[in-house]
Protein backbone atom coordinates (compact mmCIF):
# COMPACT_ATOMS: atom_id res chain seq x y z
CA MET A 1 -174.42 -69.50 -23.07
CA LYS A 2 -176.99 -68.78 -26.02
CA LEU A 3 -179.94 -71.55 -26.80
CA TYR A 4 -181.92 -72.12 -29.11
CA PHE A 5 -185.23 -74.28 -29.70
CA THR A 6 -186.53 -76.13 -31.42
CA TYR A 7 -190.36 -76.43 -31.01
CA ILE A 8 -194.16 -77.65 -32.13
CA LEU A 9 -196.84 -76.12 -32.05
CA LEU A 10 -200.95 -77.86 -32.09
CA CYS A 11 -202.50 -75.44 -34.31
CA SER A 12 -206.81 -75.19 -33.69
CA ASP A 13 -206.88 -77.05 -37.03
CA ASN A 14 -205.52 -80.37 -35.68
CA SER A 15 -202.03 -79.37 -37.68
CA TYR A 16 -198.62 -79.22 -36.43
CA TYR A 17 -196.59 -76.44 -36.50
CA THR A 18 -192.81 -76.70 -36.68
CA GLY A 19 -190.50 -74.29 -35.99
CA MET A 20 -187.03 -72.71 -34.85
CA THR A 21 -185.85 -69.84 -32.72
CA ASN A 22 -183.25 -68.58 -29.98
CA ASP A 23 -186.50 -67.23 -27.30
CA ILE A 24 -188.91 -70.21 -26.93
CA GLU A 25 -191.36 -67.99 -24.55
CA ARG A 26 -191.43 -64.29 -27.53
CA ARG A 27 -192.17 -66.68 -30.14
CA VAL A 28 -194.60 -68.70 -29.25
CA GLU A 29 -196.53 -65.70 -28.11
CA GLU A 30 -195.40 -64.24 -31.26
CA HIS A 31 -197.92 -67.14 -32.59
CA ILE A 32 -199.93 -66.40 -29.71
CA GLN A 33 -200.91 -63.17 -30.57
CA GLY A 34 -200.95 -63.23 -34.63
CA LYS A 35 -197.57 -60.67 -35.41
CA LYS A 36 -197.26 -61.96 -39.22
CA LYS A 37 -200.70 -62.13 -41.21
CA SER A 38 -198.76 -64.92 -43.89
CA SER A 39 -197.58 -66.99 -41.44
CA TYR A 40 -198.87 -70.29 -41.17
CA THR A 41 -200.75 -69.97 -37.96
CA TYR A 42 -201.97 -66.96 -37.73
CA ALA A 43 -205.04 -68.07 -40.14
CA ARG A 44 -204.86 -71.26 -37.71
CA ARG A 45 -204.92 -69.63 -34.54
CA PRO A 46 -205.13 -70.51 -30.98
CA VAL A 47 -202.24 -72.23 -31.07
CA GLU A 48 -200.59 -74.44 -28.21
CA LEU A 49 -197.21 -75.49 -27.37
CA LYS A 50 -196.66 -78.70 -27.07
CA TRP A 51 -192.92 -79.45 -27.43
CA PHE A 52 -189.68 -78.32 -27.88
CA VAL A 53 -186.29 -79.41 -27.22
CA THR A 54 -183.65 -77.12 -26.34
CA CYS A 55 -180.12 -77.20 -28.17
CA THR A 56 -176.88 -75.24 -27.15
CA ASN A 57 -175.51 -75.20 -31.34
CA PRO A 58 -177.86 -72.86 -33.66
CA SER A 59 -177.08 -75.80 -36.61
CA GLU A 60 -178.40 -78.38 -34.24
CA ALA A 61 -181.46 -76.73 -34.07
CA ILE A 62 -182.69 -76.31 -37.27
CA LYS A 63 -181.64 -79.86 -38.36
CA ILE A 64 -183.98 -80.94 -36.13
CA GLU A 65 -186.44 -78.50 -36.59
CA LYS A 66 -186.12 -79.99 -40.93
CA GLN A 67 -185.86 -83.42 -39.50
CA ILE A 68 -189.33 -83.19 -38.09
CA LYS A 69 -191.38 -80.60 -40.54
CA GLY A 70 -190.44 -83.58 -42.74
CA TRP A 71 -192.72 -86.30 -40.46
CA THR A 72 -196.17 -87.79 -40.57
CA HIS A 73 -198.51 -85.62 -38.75
CA ARG A 74 -198.87 -88.92 -36.18
CA LYS A 75 -194.73 -89.52 -36.11
CA LYS A 76 -194.91 -85.94 -34.67
CA LYS A 77 -197.74 -86.56 -32.40
CA ALA A 78 -195.92 -89.92 -30.52
CA LEU A 79 -192.81 -87.18 -30.32
CA ILE A 80 -195.27 -85.33 -28.14
CA GLU A 81 -196.72 -88.17 -26.08
CA GLU A 82 -193.20 -89.68 -25.27
CA ASN A 83 -194.49 -92.83 -27.46
CA ALA A 84 -191.29 -94.16 -28.29
CA LYS A 85 -193.02 -97.85 -29.23
CA ASP A 86 -194.86 -95.40 -31.75
CA LEU A 87 -191.88 -92.75 -32.81
CA ILE A 88 -190.29 -96.56 -34.04
CA ARG A 89 -193.09 -97.51 -36.21
CA PHE A 90 -193.78 -94.44 -37.86
CA SER A 91 -190.17 -94.16 -39.13
CA LYS A 92 -190.31 -97.30 -41.20
CA ASN A 93 -190.29 -97.19 -44.72
CA TYR A 94 -193.89 -98.19 -45.97
CA LYS A 95 -192.40 -100.14 -49.06
CA GLU A 96 -190.16 -102.26 -47.12
CA PHE A 97 -192.40 -102.57 -44.65
CA GLY A 98 -196.26 -101.49 -45.11
CA LYS A 99 -198.43 -99.52 -43.68
CA PRO A 100 -199.14 -99.92 -39.41
CA LYS A 101 -201.52 -101.60 -38.25
């Protein structure tokens, strides 16, 4: 069975990079080595794998990647830290609920 991965890297500038691949070890190593000078992570190395999820369907992995890419930094951090309370809190609509305290 072919597996697919959605992953989050922590970059040296404290930003997160979210991606999708069918070979997590190879792809993370490419980020670490700086295979593409035009990539987001190239100038933000070193990078560290902080989170990933395994999928059996590439469409599912792409859907998760796109969803996470739309999240704030603190919501991604809550996911990485498995902090369900903050993940829910940071998911609330600011217009409806106001900024979290």
